[in-house]
Amino acid sequence: MSEMAQWLARVAEELDLPDEVADGVTGPVLDLVRDVAHGVSRPSGPLTAYLVGVAAGAAAARGEGARPDAATVVSQTAAATARVRGLVAAQGGETSGA
């Protein structure tokens, strides 16, 4: 298993996601990030991927076409980000804390 696959499996576990989620989206999301980063701007790539993930999660949770509550998305993002930063720190990496 590659380092990326191992990392994504740890993140999926930490965020209570099935392993199949990371397995199923890795290629398409990396392709999307590459295309946006080269076609629009580099910082737009990961942020676009994040917004696609929010939209997919909202559609799965509330039904196709429903809009998520912005405050809830921001709050849940902060909580999930903190959990993943904990994993980064446990692996010996540095985080900005932002």
Protein backbone atom coordinates (compact mmCIF):
# COMPACT_ATOMS: atom_id res chain seq x y z
CA MET A 1 0.00 0.00 0.00
CA SER A 2 1.43 3.40 -0.98
CA GLU A 3 2.12 6.13 1.57
CA MET A 4 -0.78 8.14 0.14
CA ALA A 5 -3.17 5.19 0.38
CA GLN A 6 -2.11 4.53 3.97
CA TRP A 7 -2.57 8.19 4.86
CA LEU A 8 -5.99 8.41 3.22
CA ALA A 9 -7.08 5.24 5.04
CA ARG A 10 -6.07 6.84 8.36
CA VAL A 11 -7.89 10.06 7.52
CA ALA A 12 -11.01 8.16 6.42
CA GLU A 13 -10.97 6.21 9.68
CA GLU A 14 -10.50 9.38 11.75
CA LEU A 15 -13.41 11.06 9.95
CA ASP A 16 -15.64 7.97 10.23
CA LEU A 17 -15.77 7.39 6.47
CA PRO A 18 -15.82 3.98 4.80
CA ASP A 19 -12.47 2.96 3.27
CA GLU A 20 -14.18 2.70 -0.11
CA VAL A 21 -14.70 6.48 -0.18
CA ALA A 22 -10.99 7.27 -0.46
CA ASP A 23 -10.46 4.35 -2.84
CA GLY A 24 -13.28 5.48 -5.11
CA VAL A 25 -12.46 9.17 -5.35
CA THR A 26 -8.65 9.34 -5.32
CA GLY A 27 -8.13 9.26 -9.09
CA PRO A 28 -11.01 11.56 -10.06
CA VAL A 29 -10.20 14.11 -7.33
CA LEU A 30 -6.49 14.20 -8.19
CA ASP A 31 -7.40 14.69 -11.85
CA LEU A 32 -9.81 17.51 -10.93
CA VAL A 33 -7.24 19.25 -8.74
CA ARG A 34 -4.61 19.00 -11.49
CA ASP A 35 -6.97 20.38 -14.14
CA VAL A 36 -8.17 23.29 -12.01
CA ALA A 37 -4.66 24.09 -10.75
CA HIS A 38 -3.30 24.26 -14.29
CA GLY A 39 -6.38 25.75 -15.94
CA VAL A 40 -7.44 28.34 -13.35
CA SER A 41 -4.94 28.82 -10.51
CA ARG A 42 -2.96 26.57 -8.20
CA PRO A 43 -4.79 27.52 -4.99
CA SER A 44 -8.12 26.93 -6.73
CA GLY A 45 -7.41 23.19 -7.14
CA PRO A 46 -7.68 21.95 -3.55
CA LEU A 47 -10.40 24.44 -2.67
CA THR A 48 -12.47 23.29 -5.64
CA ALA A 49 -12.03 19.68 -4.52
CA TYR A 50 -13.21 20.66 -1.05
CA LEU A 51 -16.35 22.34 -2.44
CA VAL A 52 -17.07 19.28 -4.59
CA GLY A 53 -16.80 17.15 -1.45
CA VAL A 54 -19.17 19.41 0.48
CA ALA A 55 -21.67 19.24 -2.37
CA ALA A 56 -21.39 15.45 -2.56
CA GLY A 57 -21.85 15.11 1.20
CA ALA A 58 -24.85 17.41 1.21
CA ALA A 59 -26.46 15.53 -1.66
CA ALA A 60 -25.88 12.20 0.07
CA ALA A 61 -27.20 13.41 3.42
CA ARG A 62 -30.16 15.52 2.39
CA GLY A 63 -31.10 14.41 -1.08
CA GLU A 64 -30.05 15.69 -4.46
CA GLY A 65 -30.42 19.43 -4.90
CA ALA A 66 -30.62 20.35 -1.22
CA ARG A 67 -28.31 23.15 -0.06
CA PRO A 68 -26.33 22.66 3.14
CA ASP A 69 -26.40 25.23 5.95
CA ALA A 70 -23.23 27.33 5.57
CA ALA A 71 -22.61 27.71 9.31
CA THR A 72 -22.84 23.95 9.79
CA VAL A 73 -20.43 23.30 6.91
CA VAL A 74 -17.91 25.81 8.29
CA SER A 75 -18.19 24.38 11.81
CA GLN A 76 -17.87 20.77 10.65
CA THR A 77 -14.92 21.72 8.44
CA ALA A 78 -13.12 23.27 11.40
CA ALA A 79 -13.74 20.17 13.51
CA ALA A 80 -12.60 17.77 10.77
CA THR A 81 -9.56 19.93 10.02
CA ALA A 82 -8.53 19.83 13.68
CA ARG A 83 -8.83 16.03 13.72
CA VAL A 84 -6.69 15.68 10.60
CA ARG A 85 -4.10 18.12 11.98
CA GLY A 86 -3.87 15.80 14.98
CA LEU A 87 -3.03 12.94 12.62
CA VAL A 88 -0.39 15.06 10.89
CA ALA A 89 1.18 15.94 14.22
CA ALA A 90 1.10 12.29 15.35
CA GLN A 91 2.94 11.37 12.16
CA GLY A 92 5.65 13.91 12.98
CA GLY A 93 4.55 16.56 10.52
CA GLU A 94 4.21 20.25 11.17
CA THR A 95 0.94 22.14 11.03
CA SER A 96 0.40 25.87 10.80
CA GLY A 97 -2.45 25.72 13.30
CA ALA A 98 -4.50 27.99 11.04
